[in-house]
């Protein structure tokens, strides 16, 4: 089960970057972080939020896929070779 939780470094970096983008969107919406230049804060926050979610999707998908394979190996035509 330990193999299920190990993620590649690039997926972890994308996950962290996505979390930071969502945090920045929250700070922009609450006006704790000023919007740069003449950009609309709401539009920028929406873009950051969507980009953050997109960056977090690969890690969620990979964890779901590995967990499904570990729980039900018969669905993926893998037999448990522990003897």
PDB file of N, CA and C in Angstrom:
ATOM      1  N   UNK A   1       0.820  -1.197   0.000  1.00  0.00           N
ATOM      2  CA  UNK A   1       0.000   0.000   0.000  1.00  0.00           C
ATOM      3  C   UNK A   1       0.863   1.259   0.000  1.00  0.00           C
ATOM      4  N   UNK A   2       2.127   1.116   0.380  1.00  0.00           N
ATOM      5  CA  UNK A   2       3.015   2.275   0.419  1.00  0.00           C
ATOM      6  C   UNK A   2       3.254   2.835  -0.984  1.00  0.00           C
ATOM      7  N   UNK A   3       3.246   1.989  -2.000  1.00  0.00           N
ATOM      8  CA  UNK A   3       3.458   2.427  -3.371  1.00  0.00           C
ATOM      9  C   UNK A   3       2.326   3.334  -3.853  1.00  0.00           C
ATOM     10  N   UNK A   4       1.149   3.204  -3.283  1.00  0.00           N
ATOM     11  CA  UNK A   4       0.003   4.011  -3.698  1.00  0.00           C
ATOM     12  C   UNK A   4       0.230   5.483  -3.387  1.00  0.00           C
ATOM     13  N   UNK A   5       0.869   5.778  -2.269  1.00  0.00           N
ATOM     14  CA  UNK A   5       1.007   7.164  -1.827  1.00  0.00           C
ATOM     15  C   UNK A   5       2.234   7.869  -2.368  1.00  0.00           C
ATOM     16  N   UNK A   6       3.135   7.181  -2.978  1.00  0.00           N
ATOM     17  CA  UNK A   6       4.329   7.826  -3.539  1.00  0.00           C
ATOM     18  C   UNK A   6       4.007   8.425  -4.905  1.00  0.00           C
ATOM     19  N   UNK A   7       4.269   9.720  -5.018  1.00  0.00           N
ATOM     20  CA  UNK A   7       3.985  10.426  -6.268  1.00  0.00           C
ATOM     21  C   UNK A   7       5.291  10.911  -6.889  1.00  0.00           C
ATOM     22  N   UNK A   8       5.343  10.991  -8.219  1.00  0.00           N
ATOM     23  CA  UNK A   8       6.529  11.549  -8.879  1.00  0.00           C
ATOM     24  C   UNK A   8       6.745  13.017  -8.469  1.00  0.00           C
ATOM     25  N   UNK A   9       7.989  13.432  -8.528  1.00  0.00           N
ATOM     26  CA  UNK A   9       8.359  14.776  -8.092  1.00  0.00           C
ATOM     27  C   UNK A   9       7.606  15.866  -8.866  1.00  0.00           C
ATOM     28  N   UNK A  10       7.445  15.699 -10.168  1.00  0.00           N
ATOM     29  CA  UNK A  10       6.759  16.723 -10.972  1.00  0.00           C
ATOM     30  C   UNK A  10       5.284  16.846 -10.582  1.00  0.00           C
ATOM     31  N   UNK A  11       4.659  15.729 -10.219  1.00  0.00           N
ATOM     32  CA  UNK A  11       3.264  15.771  -9.798  1.00  0.00           C
ATOM     33  C   UNK A  11       3.156  16.502  -8.461  1.00  0.00           C
ATOM     34  N   UNK A  12       4.104  16.260  -7.567  1.00  0.00           N
ATOM     35  CA  UNK A  12       4.101  16.961  -6.284  1.00  0.00           C
ATOM     36  C   UNK A  12       4.340  18.461  -6.453  1.00  0.00           C
ATOM     37  N   UNK A  13       5.226  18.819  -7.371  1.00  0.00           N
ATOM     38  CA  UNK A  13       5.488  20.237  -7.634  1.00  0.00           C
ATOM     39  C   UNK A  13       4.242  20.906  -8.211  1.00  0.00           C
ATOM     40  N   UNK A  14       3.571  20.226  -9.136  1.00  0.00           N
ATOM     41  CA  UNK A  14       2.336  20.776  -9.707  1.00  0.00           C
ATOM     42  C   UNK A  14       1.259  20.913  -8.635  1.00  0.00           C
ATOM     43  N   UNK A  15       1.178  19.942  -7.727  1.00  0.00           N
ATOM     44  CA  UNK A  15       0.200  19.999  -6.638  1.00  0.00           C
ATOM     45  C   UNK A  15       0.472  21.207  -5.731  1.00  0.00           C
ATOM     46  N   UNK A  16       1.731  21.409  -5.377  1.00  0.00           N
ATOM     47  CA  UNK A  16       2.084  22.539  -4.512  1.00  0.00           C
ATOM     48  C   UNK A  16       1.822  23.873  -5.218  1.00  0.00           C
ATOM     49  N   UNK A  17       2.175  23.951  -6.481  1.00  0.00           N
ATOM     50  CA  UNK A  17       1.942  25.177  -7.247  1.00  0.00           C
ATOM     51  C   UNK A  17       0.448  25.462  -7.370  1.00  0.00           C
ATOM     52  N   UNK A  18      -0.350  24.420  -7.557  1.00  0.00           N
ATOM     53  CA  UNK A  18      -1.795  24.592  -7.617  1.00  0.00           C
ATOM     54  C   UNK A  18      -2.362  25.098  -6.296  1.00  0.00           C
ATOM     55  N   UNK A  19      -1.842  24.575  -5.195  1.00  0.00           N
ATOM     56  CA  UNK A  19      -2.279  25.052  -3.885  1.00  0.00           C
ATOM     57  C   UNK A  19      -1.929  26.509  -3.661  1.00  0.00           C
ATOM     58  N   UNK A  20      -0.742  26.905  -4.094  1.00  0.00           N
ATOM     59  CA  UNK A  20      -0.338  28.308  -3.964  1.00  0.00           C
ATOM     60  C   UNK A  20      -1.193  29.225  -4.838  1.00  0.00           C
ATOM     61  N   UNK A  21      -1.565  28.740  -6.015  1.00  0.00           N
ATOM     62  CA  UNK A  21      -2.426  29.551  -6.887  1.00  0.00           C
ATOM     63  C   UNK A  21      -3.817  29.723  -6.282  1.00  0.00           C
ATOM     64  N   UNK A  22      -4.342  28.683  -5.664  1.00  0.00           N
ATOM     65  CA  UNK A  22      -5.647  28.797  -5.014  1.00  0.00           C
ATOM     66  C   UNK A  22      -5.560  29.731  -3.819  1.00  0.00           C
ATOM     67  N   UNK A  23      -4.466  29.668  -3.077  1.00  0.00           N
ATOM     68  CA  UNK A  23      -4.263  30.586  -1.960  1.00  0.00           C
ATOM     69  C   UNK A  23      -4.183  32.031  -2.447  1.00  0.00           C
ATOM     70  N   UNK A  24      -3.474  32.259  -3.551  1.00  0.00           N
ATOM     71  CA  UNK A  24      -3.389  33.607  -4.113  1.00  0.00           C
ATOM     72  C   UNK A  24      -4.759  34.099  -4.577  1.00  0.00           C
ATOM     73  N   UNK A  25      -5.570  33.202  -5.135  1.00  0.00           N
ATOM     74  CA  UNK A  25      -6.926  33.585  -5.548  1.00  0.00           C
ATOM     75  C   UNK A  25      -7.755  33.996  -4.341  1.00  0.00           C
ATOM     76  N   UNK A  26      -7.626  33.268  -3.250  1.00  0.00           N
ATOM     77  CA  UNK A  26      -8.356  33.606  -2.029  1.00  0.00           C
ATOM     78  C   UNK A  26      -7.907  34.967  -1.490  1.00  0.00           C
ATOM     79  N   UNK A  27      -6.619  35.217  -1.522  1.00  0.00           N
ATOM     80  CA  UNK A  27      -6.109  36.501  -1.048  1.00  0.00           C
ATOM     81  C   UNK A  27      -6.570  37.654  -1.944  1.00  0.00           C
ATOM     82  N   UNK A  28      -6.653  37.422  -3.237  1.00  0.00           N
ATOM     83  CA  UNK A  28      -7.138  38.458  -4.154  1.00  0.00           C
ATOM     84  C   UNK A  28      -8.611  38.769  -3.932  1.00  0.00           C
ATOM     85  N   UNK A  29      -9.416  37.732  -3.724  1.00  0.00           N
ATOM     86  CA  UNK A  29     -10.851  37.948  -3.528  1.00  0.00           C
ATOM     87  C   UNK A  29     -11.114  38.719  -2.243  1.00  0.00           C
ATOM     88  N   UNK A  30     -10.357  38.437  -1.208  1.00  0.00           N
ATOM     89  CA  UNK A  30     -10.534  39.126   0.074  1.00  0.00           C
ATOM     90  C   UNK A  30      -9.788  40.456   0.147  1.00  0.00           C
ATOM     91  N   UNK A  31      -9.176  40.850  -0.938  1.00  0.00           N
ATOM     92  CA  UNK A  31      -8.437  42.114  -1.059  1.00  0.00           C
ATOM     93  C   UNK A  31      -7.271  42.232  -0.074  1.00  0.00           C
ATOM     94  N   UNK A  32      -6.687  41.094   0.288  1.00  0.00           N
ATOM     95  CA  UNK A  32      -5.482  41.116   1.119  1.00  0.00           C
ATOM     96  C   UNK A  32      -4.227  41.189   0.259  1.00  0.00           C
ATOM     97  N   UNK A  33      -4.401  40.942  -1.033  1.00  0.00           N
ATOM     98  CA  UNK A  33      -3.312  41.007  -2.000  1.00  0.00           C
ATOM     99  C   UNK A  33      -3.788  41.901  -3.145  1.00  0.00           C
ATOM    100  N   UNK A  34      -3.061  42.979  -3.443  1.00  0.00           N
ATOM    101  CA  UNK A  34      -3.518  43.869  -4.515  1.00  0.00           C
ATOM    102  C   UNK A  34      -3.299  43.236  -5.894  1.00  0.00           C
ATOM    103  N   UNK A  35      -4.218  43.519  -6.805  1.00  0.00           N
ATOM    104  CA  UNK A  35      -4.080  43.032  -8.174  1.00  0.00           C
ATOM    105  C   UNK A  35      -3.017  43.861  -8.887  1.00  0.00           C
ATOM    106  N   UNK A  36      -2.119  43.222  -9.623  1.00  0.00           N
ATOM    107  CA  UNK A  36      -1.058  43.968 -10.315  1.00  0.00           C
ATOM    108  C   UNK A  36      -1.607  44.766 -11.500  1.00  0.00           C
ATOM    109  N   UNK A  37      -1.171  46.001 -11.588  1.00  0.00           N
ATOM    110  CA  UNK A  37      -1.533  46.847 -12.721  1.00  0.00           C
ATOM    111  C   UNK A  37      -3.005  47.154 -12.798  1.00  0.00           C
ATOM    112  N   UNK A  38      -3.526  47.111 -14.008  1.00  0.00           N
ATOM    113  CA  UNK A  38      -4.931  47.449 -14.222  1.00  0.00           C
ATOM    114  C   UNK A  38      -5.809  46.209 -14.371  1.00  0.00           C
ATOM    115  N   UNK A  39      -5.324  45.078 -13.913  1.00  0.00           N
ATOM    116  CA  UNK A  39      -6.094  43.838 -14.031  1.00  0.00           C
ATOM    117  C   UNK A  39      -7.258  43.825 -13.039  1.00  0.00           C
ATOM    118  N   UNK A  40      -8.348  43.227 -13.455  1.00  0.00           N
ATOM    119  CA  UNK A  40      -9.514  43.065 -12.593  1.00  0.00           C
ATOM    120  C   UNK A  40      -9.205  41.953 -11.583  1.00  0.00           C
ATOM    121  N   UNK A  41      -9.383  42.232 -10.306  1.00  0.00           N
ATOM    122  CA  UNK A  41      -9.040  41.277  -9.248  1.00  0.00           C
ATOM    123  C   UNK A  41      -9.908  40.030  -9.323  1.00  0.00           C
ATOM    124  N   UNK A  42     -11.199  40.179  -9.617  1.00  0.00           N
ATOM    125  CA  UNK A  42     -12.086  39.009  -9.681  1.00  0.00           C
ATOM    126  C   UNK A  42     -11.731  38.098 -10.850  1.00  0.00           C
ATOM    127  N   UNK A  43     -11.446  38.693 -11.992  1.00  0.00           N
ATOM    128  CA  UNK A  43     -11.081  37.887 -13.156  1.00  0.00           C
ATOM    129  C   UNK A  43      -9.746  37.169 -12.923  1.00  0.00           C
ATOM    130  N   UNK A  44      -8.802  37.861 -12.321  1.00  0.00           N
ATOM    131  CA  UNK A  44      -7.513  37.255 -12.017  1.00  0.00           C
ATOM    132  C   UNK A  44      -7.669  36.134 -10.991  1.00  0.00           C
ATOM    133  N   UNK A  45      -8.499  36.352  -9.979  1.00  0.00           N
ATOM    134  CA  UNK A  45      -8.733  35.326  -8.964  1.00  0.00           C
ATOM    135  C   UNK A  45      -9.408  34.102  -9.576  1.00  0.00           C
ATOM    136  N   UNK A  46     -10.351  34.314 -10.482  1.00  0.00           N
ATOM    137  CA  UNK A  46     -11.014  33.197 -11.148  1.00  0.00           C
ATOM    138  C   UNK A  46     -10.020  32.401 -11.986  1.00  0.00           C
ATOM    139  N   UNK A  47      -9.175  33.095 -12.717  1.00  0.00           N
ATOM    140  CA  UNK A  47      -8.155  32.420 -13.518  1.00  0.00           C
ATOM    141  C   UNK A  47      -7.168  31.643 -12.664  1.00  0.00           C
ATOM    142  N   UNK A  48      -6.728  32.249 -11.564  1.00  0.00           N
ATOM    143  CA  UNK A  48      -5.813  31.547 -10.661  1.00  0.00           C
ATOM    144  C   UNK A  48      -6.470  30.320 -10.043  1.00  0.00           C
ATOM    145  N   UNK A  49      -7.738  30.443  -9.673  1.00  0.00           N
ATOM    146  CA  UNK A  49      -8.443  29.316  -9.068  1.00  0.00           C
ATOM    147  C   UNK A  49      -8.571  28.151 -10.051  1.00  0.00           C
ATOM    148  N   UNK A  50      -8.974  28.446 -11.275  1.00  0.00           N
ATOM    149  CA  UNK A  50      -9.133  27.395 -12.288  1.00  0.00           C
ATOM    150  C   UNK A  50      -7.785  26.757 -12.612  1.00  0.00           C
ATOM    151  N   UNK A  51      -6.741  27.572 -12.763  1.00  0.00           N
ATOM    152  CA  UNK A  51      -5.414  27.027 -13.042  1.00  0.00           C
ATOM    153  C   UNK A  51      -4.922  26.174 -11.879  1.00  0.00           C
ATOM    154  N   UNK A  52      -5.210  26.597 -10.650  1.00  0.00           N
ATOM    155  CA  UNK A  52      -4.805  25.813  -9.481  1.00  0.00           C
ATOM    156  C   UNK A  52      -5.482  24.459  -9.442  1.00  0.00           C
ATOM    157  N   UNK A  53      -6.770  24.425  -9.744  1.00  0.00           N
ATOM    158  CA  UNK A  53      -7.503  23.148  -9.774  1.00  0.00           C
ATOM    159  C   UNK A  53      -6.948  22.244 -10.869  1.00  0.00           C
ATOM    160  N   UNK A  54      -6.676  22.803 -12.035  1.00  0.00           N
ATOM    161  CA  UNK A  54      -6.130  22.011 -13.142  1.00  0.00           C
ATOM    162  C   UNK A  54      -4.770  21.429 -12.763  1.00  0.00           C
ATOM    163  N   UNK A  55      -3.948  22.187 -12.052  1.00  0.00           N
ATOM    164  CA  UNK A  55      -2.644  21.680 -11.637  1.00  0.00           C
ATOM    165  C   UNK A  55      -2.756  20.599 -10.561  1.00  0.00           C
ATOM    166  N   UNK A  56      -3.837  20.594  -9.808  1.00  0.00           N
ATOM    167  CA  UNK A  56      -4.012  19.589  -8.759  1.00  0.00           C
ATOM    168  C   UNK A  56      -4.659  18.299  -9.272  1.00  0.00           C
ATOM    169  N   UNK A  57      -5.264  18.326 -10.427  1.00  0.00           N
ATOM    170  CA  UNK A  57      -5.955  17.151 -10.955  1.00  0.00           C
ATOM    171  C   UNK A  57      -5.053  15.943 -11.213  1.00  0.00           C
ATOM    172  N   UNK A  58      -3.839  16.091 -11.752  1.00  0.00           N
ATOM    173  CA  UNK A  58      -3.023  14.890 -11.991  1.00  0.00           C
ATOM    174  C   UNK A  58      -2.719  14.088 -10.720  1.00  0.00           C
ATOM    175  N   UNK A  59      -2.449  14.759  -9.625  1.00  0.00           N
ATOM    176  CA  UNK A  59      -2.163  14.048  -8.379  1.00  0.00           C
ATOM    177  C   UNK A  59      -3.407  13.313  -7.886  1.00  0.00           C
ATOM    178  N   UNK A  60      -4.558  13.956  -7.961  1.00  0.00           N
ATOM    179  CA  UNK A  60      -5.797  13.304  -7.529  1.00  0.00           C
ATOM    180  C   UNK A  60      -6.122  12.109  -8.414  1.00  0.00           C
ATOM    181  N   UNK A  61      -5.950  12.270  -9.716  1.00  0.00           N
ATOM    182  CA  UNK A  61      -6.216  11.167 -10.632  1.00  0.00           C
ATOM    183  C   UNK A  61      -5.270  10.004 -10.384  1.00  0.00           C
ATOM    184  N   UNK A  62      -3.976  10.291 -10.194  1.00  0.00           N
ATOM    185  CA  UNK A  62      -2.993   9.233  -9.977  1.00  0.00           C
ATOM    186  C   UNK A  62      -3.259   8.486  -8.678  1.00  0.00           C
ATOM    187  N   UNK A  63      -3.589   9.204  -7.612  1.00  0.00           N
ATOM    188  CA  UNK A  63      -3.915   8.542  -6.353  1.00  0.00           C
ATOM    189  C   UNK A  63      -5.175   7.687  -6.492  1.00  0.00           C
ATOM    190  N   UNK A  64      -6.180   8.189  -7.185  1.00  0.00           N
ATOM    191  CA  UNK A  64      -7.412   7.426  -7.384  1.00  0.00           C
ATOM    192  C   UNK A  64      -7.137   6.172  -8.198  1.00  0.00           C
ATOM    193  N   UNK A  65      -6.349   6.295  -9.241  1.00  0.00           N
ATOM    194  CA  UNK A  65      -6.037   5.158 -10.109  1.00  0.00           C
ATOM    195  C   UNK A  65      -5.259   4.089  -9.352  1.00  0.00           C
ATOM    196  N   UNK A  66      -4.242   4.494  -8.605  1.00  0.00           N
ATOM    197  CA  UNK A  66      -3.446   3.523  -7.846  1.00  0.00           C
ATOM    198  C   UNK A  66      -4.265   2.868  -6.744  1.00  0.00           C
ATOM    199  N   UNK A  67      -5.129   3.627  -6.103  1.00  0.00           N
ATOM    200  CA  UNK A  67      -5.973   3.061  -5.056  1.00  0.00           C
ATOM    201  C   UNK A  67      -6.953   2.056  -5.643  1.00  0.00           C
ATOM    202  N   UNK A  68      -7.542   2.374  -6.772  1.00  0.00           N
ATOM    203  CA  UNK A  68      -8.461   1.446  -7.427  1.00  0.00           C
ATOM    204  C   UNK A  68      -7.744   0.162  -7.819  1.00  0.00           C
ATOM    205  N   UNK A  69      -6.530   0.269  -8.310  1.00  0.00           N
ATOM    206  CA  UNK A  69      -5.768  -0.924  -8.680  1.00  0.00           C
ATOM    207  C   UNK A  69      -5.396  -1.750  -7.455  1.00  0.00           C
ATOM    208  N   UNK A  70      -5.134  -1.096  -6.329  1.00  0.00           N
ATOM    209  CA  UNK A  70      -4.782  -1.833  -5.115  1.00  0.00           C
ATOM    210  C   UNK A  70      -6.009  -2.499  -4.492  1.00  0.00           C
ATOM    211  N   UNK A  71      -7.165  -1.843  -4.561  1.00  0.00           N
ATOM    212  CA  UNK A  71      -8.374  -2.388  -3.941  1.00  0.00           C
ATOM    213  C   UNK A  71      -8.972  -3.518  -4.788  1.00  0.00           C
ATOM    214  N   UNK A  72      -9.003  -3.340  -6.087  1.00  0.00           N
ATOM    215  CA  UNK A  72      -9.642  -4.326  -6.963  1.00  0.00           C
ATOM    216  C   UNK A  72      -8.723  -4.689  -8.127  1.00  0.00           C
ATOM    217  N   UNK A  73      -7.689  -5.490  -7.882  1.00  0.00           N
ATOM    218  CA  UNK A  73      -6.765  -5.829  -8.977  1.00  0.00           C
ATOM    219  C   UNK A  73      -7.424  -6.671 -10.071  1.00  0.00           C
ATOM    220  N   UNK A  74      -8.531  -7.378  -9.748  1.00  0.00           N
ATOM    221  CA  UNK A  74      -9.194  -8.194 -10.753  1.00  0.00           C
ATOM    222  C   UNK A  74      -9.789  -7.340 -11.867  1.00  0.00           C
ATOM    223  N   UNK A  75     -10.174  -6.115 -11.555  1.00  0.00           N
ATOM    224  CA  UNK A  75     -10.736  -5.236 -12.576  1.00  0.00           C
ATOM    225  C   UNK A  75      -9.701  -4.814 -13.610  1.00  0.00           C
ATOM    226  N   UNK A  76      -8.435  -4.882 -13.241  1.00  0.00           N
ATOM    227  CA  UNK A  76      -7.360  -4.451 -14.133  1.00  0.00           C
ATOM    228  C   UNK A  76      -6.538  -5.621 -14.653  1.00  0.00           C
ATOM    229  N   UNK A  77      -7.065  -6.839 -14.499  1.00  0.00           N
ATOM    230  CA  UNK A  77      -6.412  -8.072 -14.963  1.00  0.00           C
ATOM    231  C   UNK A  77      -5.038  -8.270 -14.352  1.00  0.00           C
ATOM    232  N   UNK A  78      -4.887  -7.868 -13.092  1.00  0.00           N
ATOM    233  CA  UNK A  78      -3.654  -8.107 -12.359  1.00  0.00           C
ATOM    234  C   UNK A  78      -3.971  -9.119 -11.266  1.00  0.00           C
ATOM    235  N   UNK A  79      -3.122 -10.120 -11.149  1.00  0.00           N
ATOM    236  CA  UNK A  79      -3.323 -11.083 -10.074  1.00  0.00           C
ATOM    237  C   UNK A  79      -2.326 -10.792  -8.971  1.00  0.00           C
ATOM    238  N   UNK A  80      -2.722 -11.066  -7.771  1.00  0.00           N
ATOM    239  CA  UNK A  80      -1.844 -10.841  -6.623  1.00  0.00           C
ATOM    240  C   UNK A  80      -0.833 -11.975  -6.578  1.00  0.00           C
ATOM    241  N   UNK A  81       0.439 -11.680  -6.719  1.00  0.00           N
ATOM    242  CA  UNK A  81       1.479 -12.697  -6.811  1.00  0.00           C
ATOM    243  C   UNK A  81       2.186 -12.925  -5.484  1.00  0.00           C
ATOM    244  N   UNK A  82       1.532 -12.626  -4.379  1.00  0.00           N
ATOM    245  CA  UNK A  82       2.126 -12.860  -3.058  1.00  0.00           C
ATOM    246  C   UNK A  82       1.957 -14.331  -2.704  1.00  0.00           C
ATOM    247  N   UNK A  83       3.063 -15.000  -2.381  1.00  0.00           N
ATOM    248  CA  UNK A  83       3.019 -16.417  -1.981  1.00  0.00           C
ATOM    249  C   UNK A  83       3.941 -16.659  -0.844  1.00  0.00           C
TER     250      UNK A  83
END
